[in-house]
PDB file of N, CA and C in Angstrom:
ATOM      1  N   MET A   1     -22.626 -44.618  14.515  1.00  0.00           N
ATOM      2  CA  MET A   1     -23.381 -45.214  15.630  1.00  0.00           C
ATOM      3  C   MET A   1     -24.496 -45.457  14.797  1.00  0.00           C
ATOM      4  N   ARG A   2     -25.249 -44.076  14.361  1.00  0.00           N
ATOM      5  CA  ARG A   2     -26.526 -43.406  13.626  1.00  0.00           C
ATOM      6  C   ARG A   2     -26.785 -44.834  12.435  1.00  0.00           C
ATOM      7  N   ILE A   3     -25.488 -45.353  11.377  1.00  0.00           N
ATOM      8  CA  ILE A   3     -26.436 -45.847  10.647  1.00  0.00           C
ATOM      9  C   ILE A   3     -26.330 -47.329  11.287  1.00  0.00           C
ATOM     10  N   GLN A   4     -25.666 -47.406  12.401  1.00  0.00           N
ATOM     11  CA  GLN A   4     -26.395 -49.019  13.211  1.00  0.00           C
ATOM     12  C   GLN A   4     -27.657 -48.820  13.639  1.00  0.00           C
ATOM     13  N   LEU A   5     -28.161 -47.834  14.230  1.00  0.00           N
ATOM     14  CA  LEU A   5     -29.069 -47.577  14.809  1.00  0.00           C
ATOM     15  C   LEU A   5     -30.032 -47.291  13.889  1.00  0.00           C
ATOM     16  N   ALA A   6     -29.823 -47.128  12.387  1.00  0.00           N
ATOM     17  CA  ALA A   6     -30.713 -47.419  11.722  1.00  0.00           C
ATOM     18  C   ALA A   6     -31.143 -48.332  10.969  1.00  0.00           C
ATOM     19  N   ALA A   7     -30.390 -48.951  11.231  1.00  0.00           N
ATOM     20  CA  ALA A   7     -30.846 -50.474  11.130  1.00  0.00           C
ATOM     21  C   ALA A   7     -31.423 -51.902  12.113  1.00  0.00           C
ATOM     22  N   ILE A   8     -30.863 -51.263  13.317  1.00  0.00           N
ATOM     23  CA  ILE A   8     -31.914 -51.892  14.421  1.00  0.00           C
ATOM     24  C   ILE A   8     -32.744 -51.156  14.109  1.00  0.00           C
ATOM     25  N   LEU A   9     -33.329 -50.560  13.981  1.00  0.00           N
ATOM     26  CA  LEU A   9     -34.696 -50.098  14.341  1.00  0.00           C
ATOM     27  C   LEU A   9     -36.056 -50.182  13.161  1.00  0.00           C
ATOM     28  N   LEU A  10     -34.915 -50.487  12.050  1.00  0.00           N
ATOM     29  CA  LEU A  10     -35.260 -51.700  10.664  1.00  0.00           C
ATOM     30  C   LEU A  10     -36.423 -52.725  10.656  1.00  0.00           C
ATOM     31  N   VAL A  11     -36.070 -52.993  12.300  1.00  0.00           N
ATOM     32  CA  VAL A  11     -36.434 -54.450  12.124  1.00  0.00           C
ATOM     33  C   VAL A  11     -37.406 -54.699  12.375  1.00  0.00           C
ATOM     34  N   SER A  12     -38.309 -53.478  13.010  1.00  0.00           N
ATOM     35  CA  SER A  12     -39.932 -53.248  13.575  1.00  0.00           C
ATOM     36  C   SER A  12     -40.444 -52.672  12.326  1.00  0.00           C
ATOM     37  N   ALA A  13     -40.282 -52.299  11.253  1.00  0.00           N
ATOM     38  CA  ALA A  13     -40.805 -51.536  10.206  1.00  0.00           C
ATOM     39  C   ALA A  13     -42.487 -52.138   9.673  1.00  0.00           C
ATOM     40  N   PRO A  14     -42.522 -53.609   9.588  1.00  0.00           N
ATOM     41  CA  PRO A  14     -44.043 -53.580   9.269  1.00  0.00           C
ATOM     42  C   PRO A  14     -44.928 -53.286  10.059  1.00  0.00           C
ATOM     43  N   ALA A  15     -45.026 -53.442  11.997  1.00  0.00           N
ATOM     44  CA  ALA A  15     -46.067 -52.809  12.709  1.00  0.00           C
ATOM     45  C   ALA A  15     -45.850 -51.340  12.727  1.00  0.00           C
ATOM     46  N   LEU A  16     -45.044 -50.932  11.475  1.00  0.00           N
ATOM     47  CA  LEU A  16     -45.011 -49.554  11.829  1.00  0.00           C
ATOM     48  C   LEU A  16     -46.229 -49.026  10.709  1.00  0.00           C
ATOM     49  N   ALA A  17     -46.872 -49.917  10.096  1.00  0.00           N
ATOM     50  CA  ALA A  17     -47.458 -49.491   8.919  1.00  0.00           C
ATOM     51  C   ALA A  17     -49.149 -48.808   9.112  1.00  0.00           C
ATOM     52  N   ALA A  18     -49.472 -47.893   8.863  1.00  0.00           N
ATOM     53  CA  ALA A  18     -51.127 -47.572   9.424  1.00  0.00           C
ATOM     54  C   ALA A  18     -51.646 -49.219   8.793  1.00  0.00           C
ATOM     55  N   PRO A  19     -53.214 -49.322  10.269  1.00  0.00           N
ATOM     56  CA  PRO A  19     -53.460 -50.554  10.755  1.00  0.00           C
ATOM     57  C   PRO A  19     -54.119 -50.767   8.916  1.00  0.00           C
ATOM     58  N   GLY A  20     -54.418 -52.716   8.968  1.00  0.00           N
ATOM     59  CA  GLY A  20     -55.087 -52.579   7.346  1.00  0.00           C
ATOM     60  C   GLY A  20     -54.292 -52.137   6.057  1.00  0.00           C
ATOM     61  N   ASP A  21     -53.097 -51.757   6.391  1.00  0.00           N
ATOM     62  CA  ASP A  21     -52.587 -51.392   4.339  1.00  0.00           C
ATOM     63  C   ASP A  21     -51.275 -52.113   4.471  1.00  0.00           C
ATOM     64  N   GLU A  22     -51.855 -53.441   3.788  1.00  0.00           N
ATOM     65  CA  GLU A  22     -51.022 -54.602   3.693  1.00  0.00           C
ATOM     66  C   GLU A  22     -50.068 -54.155   2.623  1.00  0.00           C
ATOM     67  N   ALA A  23     -50.478 -53.124   1.897  1.00  0.00           N
ATOM     68  CA  ALA A  23     -49.073 -52.599   0.883  1.00  0.00           C
ATOM     69  C   ALA A  23     -48.366 -52.204   1.551  1.00  0.00           C
ATOM     70  N   CYS A  24     -48.375 -51.330   1.848  1.00  0.00           N
ATOM     71  CA  CYS A  24     -46.970 -50.382   3.476  1.00  0.00           C
ATOM     72  C   CYS A  24     -46.678 -51.562   3.771  1.00  0.00           C
ATOM     73  N   LYS A  25     -47.315 -52.525   4.587  1.00  0.00           N
ATOM     74  CA  LYS A  25     -46.218 -53.793   5.484  1.00  0.00           C
ATOM     75  C   LYS A  25     -45.589 -54.637   4.684  1.00  0.00           C
ATOM     76  N   ARG A  26     -46.203 -54.434   3.442  1.00  0.00           N
ATOM     77  CA  ARG A  26     -44.821 -55.008   2.994  1.00  0.00           C
ATOM     78  C   ARG A  26     -44.013 -54.191   2.664  1.00  0.00           C
ATOM     79  N   ASP A  27     -44.449 -53.586   1.840  1.00  0.00           N
ATOM     80  CA  ASP A  27     -43.032 -52.107   1.404  1.00  0.00           C
ATOM     81  C   ASP A  27     -42.046 -52.123   2.892  1.00  0.00           C
ATOM     82  N   LEU A  28     -42.288 -51.318   4.194  1.00  0.00           N
ATOM     83  CA  LEU A  28     -41.768 -51.092   4.785  1.00  0.00           C
ATOM     84  C   LEU A  28     -40.778 -51.972   4.876  1.00  0.00           C
ATOM     85  N   PHE A  29     -41.329 -53.864   4.816  1.00  0.00           N
ATOM     86  CA  PHE A  29     -40.646 -55.339   4.947  1.00  0.00           C
ATOM     87  C   PHE A  29     -39.385 -55.017   4.123  1.00  0.00           C
ATOM     88  N   MET A  30     -39.828 -54.484   2.970  1.00  0.00           N
ATOM     89  CA  MET A  30     -38.880 -54.911   1.797  1.00  0.00           C
ATOM     90  C   MET A  30     -37.947 -53.724   1.636  1.00  0.00           C
ATOM     91  N   ALA A  31     -37.796 -52.360   2.531  1.00  0.00           N
ATOM     92  CA  ALA A  31     -37.332 -51.324   2.631  1.00  0.00           C
ATOM     93  C   ALA A  31     -35.903 -52.180   3.657  1.00  0.00           C
ATOM     94  N   ASP A  32     -36.635 -52.876   4.868  1.00  0.00           N
ATOM     95  CA  ASP A  32     -35.941 -53.168   5.969  1.00  0.00           C
ATOM     96  C   ASP A  32     -34.624 -54.089   5.455  1.00  0.00           C
ATOM     97  N   ALA A  33     -35.658 -54.973   4.183  1.00  0.00           N
ATOM     98  CA  ALA A  33     -34.858 -56.148   3.486  1.00  0.00           C
ATOM     99  C   ALA A  33     -33.498 -55.563   2.732  1.00  0.00           C
ATOM    100  N   ALA A  34     -34.334 -54.279   1.987  1.00  0.00           N
ATOM    101  CA  ALA A  34     -32.979 -53.481   1.273  1.00  0.00           C
ATOM    102  C   ALA A  34     -31.942 -52.842   2.270  1.00  0.00           C
ATOM    103  N   ILE A  35     -31.940 -52.469   2.773  1.00  0.00           N
ATOM    104  CA  ILE A  35     -31.179 -51.684   3.870  1.00  0.00           C
ATOM    105  C   ILE A  35     -30.513 -52.698   4.811  1.00  0.00           C
ATOM    106  N   SER A  36     -30.748 -54.175   5.304  1.00  0.00           N
ATOM    107  CA  SER A  36     -29.902 -55.853   5.699  1.00  0.00           C
ATOM    108  C   SER A  36     -29.221 -55.898   3.948  1.00  0.00           C
ATOM    109  N   GLY A  37     -29.480 -55.928   3.126  1.00  0.00           N
ATOM    110  CA  GLY A  37     -28.929 -56.512   2.531  1.00  0.00           C
ATOM    111  C   GLY A  37     -27.899 -55.444   1.574  1.00  0.00           C
ATOM    112  N   SER A  38     -28.194 -54.029   1.933  1.00  0.00           N
ATOM    113  CA  SER A  38     -26.814 -53.199   1.726  1.00  0.00           C
ATOM    114  C   SER A  38     -25.794 -52.914   2.837  1.00  0.00           C
ATOM    115  N   PHE A  39     -26.088 -53.692   3.763  1.00  0.00           N
ATOM    116  CA  PHE A  39     -24.896 -53.885   4.719  1.00  0.00           C
ATOM    117  C   PHE A  39     -24.266 -54.645   4.649  1.00  0.00           C
ATOM    118  N   ARG A  40     -24.638 -56.046   4.403  1.00  0.00           N
ATOM    119  CA  ARG A  40     -24.105 -57.017   4.002  1.00  0.00           C
ATOM    120  C   ARG A  40     -22.992 -56.692   2.545  1.00  0.00           C
ATOM    121  N   ASN A  41     -24.102 -55.894   1.756  1.00  0.00           N
ATOM    122  CA  ASN A  41     -22.631 -55.981   0.422  1.00  0.00           C
ATOM    123  C   ASN A  41     -21.721 -55.038   0.432  1.00  0.00           C
ATOM    124  N   MET A  42     -21.974 -54.113   2.205  1.00  0.00           N
ATOM    125  CA  MET A  42     -20.861 -52.947   2.248  1.00  0.00           C
ATOM    126  C   MET A  42     -19.833 -53.933   3.255  1.00  0.00           C
ATOM    127  N   GLU A  43     -20.311 -54.693   3.847  1.00  0.00           N
ATOM    128  CA  GLU A  43     -18.803 -55.430   4.268  1.00  0.00           C
ATOM    129  C   GLU A  43     -18.328 -56.667   4.151  1.00  0.00           C
ATOM    130  N   PHE A  44     -18.945 -57.008   2.953  1.00  0.00           N
ATOM    131  CA  PHE A  44     -17.883 -57.955   1.526  1.00  0.00           C
ATOM    132  C   PHE A  44     -17.325 -56.975   0.131  1.00  0.00           C
ATOM    133  N   SER A  45     -17.440 -55.856   0.599  1.00  0.00           N
ATOM    134  CA  SER A  45     -17.122 -54.628  -1.208  1.00  0.00           C
ATOM    135  C   SER A  45     -15.826 -55.025  -0.818  1.00  0.00           C
ATOM    136  N   GLY A  46     -14.881 -55.503   0.662  1.00  0.00           N
ATOM    137  CA  GLY A  46     -13.649 -54.904   0.212  1.00  0.00           C
ATOM    138  C   GLY A  46     -12.877 -53.861   0.493  1.00  0.00           C
ATOM    139  N   ALA A  47     -12.264 -53.554   0.683  1.00  0.00           N
ATOM    140  CA  ALA A  47     -11.214 -52.622   1.401  1.00  0.00           C
ATOM    141  C   ALA A  47     -11.162 -51.287   0.564  1.00  0.00           C
ATOM    142  N   LYS A  48     -10.669 -51.350  -1.206  1.00  0.00           N
ATOM    143  CA  LYS A  48     -10.030 -50.854  -1.473  1.00  0.00           C
ATOM    144  C   LYS A  48     -11.187 -49.658  -1.797  1.00  0.00           C
ATOM    145  N   PRO A  49     -10.705 -48.281  -2.487  1.00  0.00           N
ATOM    146  CA  PRO A  49     -12.490 -47.686  -2.264  1.00  0.00           C
ATOM    147  C   PRO A  49     -12.402 -47.714  -3.914  1.00  0.00           C
ATOM    148  N   GLU A  50     -12.330 -48.283  -4.814  1.00  0.00           N
ATOM    149  CA  GLU A  50     -12.745 -48.713  -6.132  1.00  0.00           C
ATOM    150  C   GLU A  50     -13.933 -50.041  -5.840  1.00  0.00           C
ATOM    151  N   GLN A  51     -13.729 -50.705  -4.860  1.00  0.00           N
ATOM    152  CA  GLN A  51     -14.495 -51.368  -4.563  1.00  0.00           C
ATOM    153  C   GLN A  51     -15.248 -50.716  -3.460  1.00  0.00           C
ATOM    154  N   GLN A  52     -15.410 -49.734  -2.018  1.00  0.00           N
ATOM    155  CA  GLN A  52     -16.029 -50.106  -1.177  1.00  0.00           C
ATOM    156  C   GLN A  52     -17.217 -48.533  -1.984  1.00  0.00           C
ATOM    157  N   CYS A  53     -16.402 -47.844  -2.949  1.00  0.00           N
ATOM    158  CA  CYS A  53     -17.466 -46.675  -3.132  1.00  0.00           C
ATOM    159  C   CYS A  53     -18.092 -46.942  -4.036  1.00  0.00           C
ATOM    160  N   PRO A  54     -18.858 -48.094  -4.648  1.00  0.00           N
ATOM    161  CA  PRO A  54     -20.365 -48.568  -5.505  1.00  0.00           C
ATOM    162  C   PRO A  54     -21.220 -49.249  -4.403  1.00  0.00           C
ATOM    163  N   ALA A  55     -20.329 -49.761  -3.807  1.00  0.00           N
ATOM    164  CA  ALA A  55     -21.272 -50.362  -2.348  1.00  0.00           C
ATOM    165  C   ALA A  55     -21.780 -49.111  -1.611  1.00  0.00           C
ATOM    166  N   TRP A  56     -21.140 -48.005  -1.341  1.00  0.00           N
ATOM    167  CA  TRP A  56     -21.765 -47.071  -0.529  1.00  0.00           C
ATOM    168  C   TRP A  56     -22.537 -46.042  -0.895  1.00  0.00           C
ATOM    169  N   ARG A  57     -22.338 -46.163  -2.689  1.00  0.00           N
ATOM    170  CA  ARG A  57     -23.384 -45.478  -3.329  1.00  0.00           C
ATOM    171  C   ARG A  57     -24.781 -46.511  -3.408  1.00  0.00           C
ATOM    172  N   ARG A  58     -25.128 -47.360  -3.366  1.00  0.00           N
ATOM    173  CA  ARG A  58     -26.341 -48.168  -3.516  1.00  0.00           C
ATOM    174  C   ARG A  58     -26.309 -48.190  -1.960  1.00  0.00           C
ATOM    175  N   HIS A  59     -25.603 -48.243  -1.489  1.00  0.00           N
ATOM    176  CA  HIS A  59     -26.249 -48.282   0.215  1.00  0.00           C
ATOM    177  C   HIS A  59     -27.262 -46.381   0.334  1.00  0.00           C
ATOM    178  N   VAL A  60     -26.736 -45.514   0.090  1.00  0.00           N
ATOM    179  CA  VAL A  60     -27.234 -44.022  -0.043  1.00  0.00           C
ATOM    180  C   VAL A  60     -28.387 -44.344  -0.919  1.00  0.00           C
ATOM    181  N   GLU A  61     -28.534 -45.355  -1.465  1.00  0.00           N
ATOM    182  CA  GLU A  61     -30.018 -45.384  -2.051  1.00  0.00           C
ATOM    183  C   GLU A  61     -30.716 -45.875  -2.071  1.00  0.00           C
ATOM    184  N   ALA A  62     -30.318 -47.333  -1.349  1.00  0.00           N
ATOM    185  CA  ALA A  62     -31.326 -48.058  -0.377  1.00  0.00           C
ATOM    186  C   ALA A  62     -31.762 -47.479   0.892  1.00  0.00           C
ATOM    187  N   LEU A  63     -30.793 -46.194   1.537  1.00  0.00           N
ATOM    188  CA  LEU A  63     -31.660 -45.387   2.284  1.00  0.00           C
ATOM    189  C   LEU A  63     -32.626 -44.527   1.396  1.00  0.00           C
ATOM    190  N   ARG A  64     -32.608 -43.707   0.559  1.00  0.00           N
ATOM    191  CA  ARG A  64     -33.440 -42.942   0.240  1.00  0.00           C
ATOM    192  C   ARG A  64     -34.579 -42.922  -0.107  1.00  0.00           C
ATOM    193  N   LYS A  65     -34.598 -44.574  -1.039  1.00  0.00           N
ATOM    194  CA  LYS A  65     -35.424 -45.357  -0.777  1.00  0.00           C
ATOM    195  C   LYS A  65     -36.620 -45.950   0.122  1.00  0.00           C
ATOM    196  N   ALA A  66     -35.663 -46.135   1.645  1.00  0.00           N
ATOM    197  CA  ALA A  66     -36.429 -46.783   2.401  1.00  0.00           C
ATOM    198  C   ALA A  66     -37.004 -45.572   3.345  1.00  0.00           C
ATOM    199  N   SER A  67     -36.312 -44.243   2.872  1.00  0.00           N
ATOM    200  CA  SER A  67     -36.609 -43.148   4.309  1.00  0.00           C
ATOM    201  C   SER A  67     -38.425 -42.447   3.151  1.00  0.00           C
ATOM    202  N   ALA A  68     -38.100 -42.710   1.694  1.00  0.00           N
ATOM    203  CA  ALA A  68     -39.363 -42.693   0.959  1.00  0.00           C
ATOM    204  C   ALA A  68     -40.286 -43.281   1.123  1.00  0.00           C
ATOM    205  N   THR A  69     -40.664 -44.280   1.736  1.00  0.00           N
ATOM    206  CA  THR A  69     -41.495 -45.570   1.843  1.00  0.00           C
ATOM    207  C   THR A  69     -41.757 -45.180   3.340  1.00  0.00           C
ATOM    208  N   TYR A  70     -41.079 -44.857   4.644  1.00  0.00           N
ATOM    209  CA  TYR A  70     -41.335 -44.019   6.293  1.00  0.00           C
ATOM    210  C   TYR A  70     -41.896 -43.207   5.711  1.00  0.00           C
ATOM    211  N   GLY A  71     -41.570 -42.573   4.909  1.00  0.00           N
ATOM    212  CA  GLY A  71     -42.147 -40.940   4.692  1.00  0.00           C
ATOM    213  C   GLY A  71     -43.555 -41.230   4.148  1.00  0.00           C
ATOM    214  N   ARG A  72     -44.199 -41.992   3.033  1.00  0.00           N
ATOM    215  CA  ARG A  72     -45.654 -42.892   3.003  1.00  0.00           C
ATOM    216  C   ARG A  72     -45.773 -43.456   3.762  1.00  0.00           C
ATOM    217  N   CYS A  73     -45.379 -44.128   3.950  1.00  0.00           N
ATOM    218  CA  CYS A  73     -46.519 -45.392   4.894  1.00  0.00           C
ATOM    219  C   CYS A  73     -46.232 -45.673   6.293  1.00  0.00           C
ATOM    220  N   ALA A  74     -45.141 -44.961   7.343  1.00  0.00           N
ATOM    221  CA  ALA A  74     -45.125 -45.149   9.029  1.00  0.00           C
ATOM    222  C   ALA A  74     -46.190 -43.846   9.840  1.00  0.00           C
ATOM    223  N   VAL A  75     -46.755 -43.742  10.599  1.00  0.00           N
ATOM    224  CA  VAL A  75     -46.989 -43.137  11.192  1.00  0.00           C
ATOM    225  C   VAL A  75     -46.951 -42.403  12.692  1.00  0.00           C
ATOM    226  N   GLY A  76     -47.870 -41.463  12.625  1.00  0.00           N
ATOM    227  CA  GLY A  76     -47.181 -40.850  14.082  1.00  0.00           C
ATOM    228  C   GLY A  76     -45.948 -40.310  13.856  1.00  0.00           C
ATOM    229  N   PRO A  77     -45.792 -40.120  15.162  1.00  0.00           N
ATOM    230  CA  PRO A  77     -43.847 -39.918  15.361  1.00  0.00           C
ATOM    231  C   PRO A  77     -42.850 -40.459  14.581  1.00  0.00           C
ATOM    232  N   VAL A  78     -43.033 -41.954  14.357  1.00  0.00           N
ATOM    233  CA  VAL A  78     -42.467 -42.751  13.750  1.00  0.00           C
ATOM    234  C   VAL A  78     -42.323 -42.546  12.287  1.00  0.00           C
ATOM    235  N   LYS A  79     -43.004 -42.005  12.076  1.00  0.00           N
ATOM    236  CA  LYS A  79     -42.718 -40.932  10.554  1.00  0.00           C
ATOM    237  C   LYS A  79     -41.291 -39.812  10.348  1.00  0.00           C
ATOM    238  N   ALA A  80     -41.732 -39.338  11.016  1.00  0.00           N
ATOM    239  CA  ALA A  80     -40.599 -38.057  11.296  1.00  0.00           C
ATOM    240  C   ALA A  80     -39.393 -38.783  11.881  1.00  0.00           C
ATOM    241  N   GLY A  81     -39.217 -39.879  12.570  1.00  0.00           N
ATOM    242  CA  GLY A  81     -38.201 -39.562  12.972  1.00  0.00           C
ATOM    243  C   GLY A  81     -37.686 -41.256  12.442  1.00  0.00           C
ATOM    244  N   LYS A  82     -38.325 -42.035  11.103  1.00  0.00           N
ATOM    245  CA  LYS A  82     -37.698 -42.751  11.046  1.00  0.00           C
ATOM    246  C   LYS A  82     -36.508 -42.319   9.370  1.00  0.00           C
ATOM    247  N   THR A  83     -37.487 -41.253   8.687  1.00  0.00           N
ATOM    248  CA  THR A  83     -37.307 -40.292   7.966  1.00  0.00           C
ATOM    249  C   THR A  83     -35.784 -39.591   7.855  1.00  0.00           C
ATOM    250  N   SER A  84     -36.318 -38.718   9.839  1.00  0.00           N
ATOM    251  CA  SER A  84     -35.070 -38.062   9.932  1.00  0.00           C
ATOM    252  C   SER A  84     -33.604 -38.914   9.784  1.00  0.00           C
ATOM    253  N   GLU A  85     -34.138 -40.064  10.561  1.00  0.00           N
ATOM    254  CA  GLU A  85     -32.745 -41.370  10.543  1.00  0.00           C
ATOM    255  C   GLU A  85     -32.024 -41.560   9.334  1.00  0.00           C
ATOM    256  N   LEU A  86     -33.255 -41.979   8.885  1.00  0.00           N
ATOM    257  CA  LEU A  86     -32.495 -42.875   7.341  1.00  0.00           C
ATOM    258  C   LEU A  86     -32.129 -41.045   6.762  1.00  0.00           C
ATOM    259  N   ASN A  87     -32.831 -40.244   6.465  1.00  0.00           N
ATOM    260  CA  ASN A  87     -32.228 -38.963   5.245  1.00  0.00           C
ATOM    261  C   ASN A  87     -30.662 -38.915   6.277  1.00  0.00           C
ATOM    262  N   GLY A  88     -30.544 -38.550   7.960  1.00  0.00           N
ATOM    263  CA  GLY A  88     -29.022 -38.586   8.509  1.00  0.00           C
ATOM    264  C   GLY A  88     -28.005 -39.550   7.924  1.00  0.00           C
ATOM    265  N   SER A  89     -28.657 -40.438   7.770  1.00  0.00           N
ATOM    266  CA  SER A  89     -27.344 -41.792   7.028  1.00  0.00           C
ATOM    267  C   SER A  89     -26.884 -41.989   5.556  1.00  0.00           C
ATOM    268  N   ALA A  90     -28.084 -41.122   5.581  1.00  0.00           N
ATOM    269  CA  ALA A  90     -27.789 -41.285   3.593  1.00  0.00           C
ATOM    270  C   ALA A  90     -26.103 -40.083   3.510  1.00  0.00           C
ATOM    271  N   ALA A  91     -26.719 -38.574   4.462  1.00  0.00           N
ATOM    272  CA  ALA A  91     -26.131 -37.774   4.178  1.00  0.00           C
ATOM    273  C   ALA A  91     -24.563 -37.806   4.930  1.00  0.00           C
ATOM    274  N   ASP A  92     -24.183 -38.711   5.758  1.00  0.00           N
ATOM    275  CA  ASP A  92     -23.273 -39.136   5.871  1.00  0.00           C
ATOM    276  C   ASP A  92     -22.803 -39.499   5.400  1.00  0.00           C
ATOM    277  N   PHE A  93     -23.017 -41.296   4.358  1.00  0.00           N
ATOM    278  CA  PHE A  93     -22.913 -41.523   3.868  1.00  0.00           C
ATOM    279  C   PHE A  93     -22.118 -41.002   1.822  1.00  0.00           C
ATOM    280  N   GLN A  94     -22.813 -39.769   2.011  1.00  0.00           N
ATOM    281  CA  GLN A  94     -22.736 -38.905   0.827  1.00  0.00           C
ATOM    282  C   GLN A  94     -21.191 -38.348   1.081  1.00  0.00           C
ATOM    283  N   ARG A  95     -21.248 -37.972   2.310  1.00  0.00           N
ATOM    284  CA  ARG A  95     -20.653 -36.908   2.906  1.00  0.00           C
ATOM    285  C   ARG A  95     -18.749 -37.768   2.653  1.00  0.00           C
ATOM    286  N   LEU A  96     -19.220 -39.464   3.107  1.00  0.00           N
ATOM    287  CA  LEU A  96     -17.708 -40.392   2.883  1.00  0.00           C
ATOM    288  C   LEU A  96     -17.702 -40.319   1.442  1.00  0.00           C
ATOM    289  N   ILE A  97     -18.745 -40.456   0.288  1.00  0.00           N
ATOM    290  CA  ILE A  97     -17.946 -40.633  -0.792  1.00  0.00           C
ATOM    291  C   ILE A  97     -17.364 -39.496  -1.680  1.00  0.00           C
ATOM    292  N   ALA A  98     -17.828 -38.407  -0.803  1.00  0.00           N
ATOM    293  CA  ALA A  98     -17.194 -37.278  -2.005  1.00  0.00           C
ATOM    294  C   ALA A  98     -15.811 -36.973  -1.028  1.00  0.00           C
ATOM    295  N   GLU A  99     -15.758 -37.328   0.242  1.00  0.00           N
ATOM    296  CA  GLU A  99     -14.604 -37.370   0.126  1.00  0.00           C
ATOM    297  C   GLU A  99     -13.115 -38.723   0.175  1.00  0.00           C
ATOM    298  N   ARG A 100     -13.941 -39.547  -0.324  1.00  0.00           N
ATOM    299  CA  ARG A 100     -12.987 -40.550  -0.355  1.00  0.00           C
ATOM    300  C   ARG A 100     -13.435 -41.402  -1.692  1.00  0.00           C
ATOM    301  N   CYS A 101     -14.029 -40.787  -3.189  1.00  0.00           N
ATOM    302  CA  CYS A 101     -14.564 -41.574  -3.891  1.00  0.00           C
ATOM    303  C   CYS A 101     -14.187 -41.228  -4.958  1.00  0.00           C
ATOM    304  N   LYS A 102     -13.311 -39.820  -5.041  1.00  0.00           N
ATOM    305  CA  LYS A 102     -13.182 -38.538  -6.187  1.00  0.00           C
ATOM    306  C   LYS A 102     -12.897 -39.577  -7.292  1.00  0.00           C
ATOM    307  N   GLY A 103     -13.641 -39.928  -8.487  1.00  0.00           N
ATOM    308  CA  GLY A 103     -13.159 -40.615 -10.014  1.00  0.00           C
ATOM    309  C   GLY A 103     -13.289 -42.048  -9.673  1.00  0.00           C
ATOM    310  N   LYS A 104     -13.864 -42.617  -8.220  1.00  0.00           N
ATOM    311  CA  LYS A 104     -14.499 -44.274  -8.019  1.00  0.00           C
ATOM    312  C   LYS A 104     -15.469 -44.442  -8.553  1.00  0.00           C
TER     313      LYS A 104
END
């Protein structure tokens, strides 16, 4: 559920950048696109762990990069909230990887 919530909240990313900061608006948009693409890749990765595990690892990387972008570009309480959500989702996937992807 937390993972889906993070994806939904990322939709408004460009509006969260500091006023006048076009680079951050672009970066937040790209973070949103990376998370969306990562979700699509996970959906189509297959049912076997050897197919899912690489997709989960790529998703963790996308979440971490998006968290760093929010940490750099978001303003106000959104900054702490978004980075916390994204880091929490990354931690959830890391636990899943640790449980199911040993050697895969």
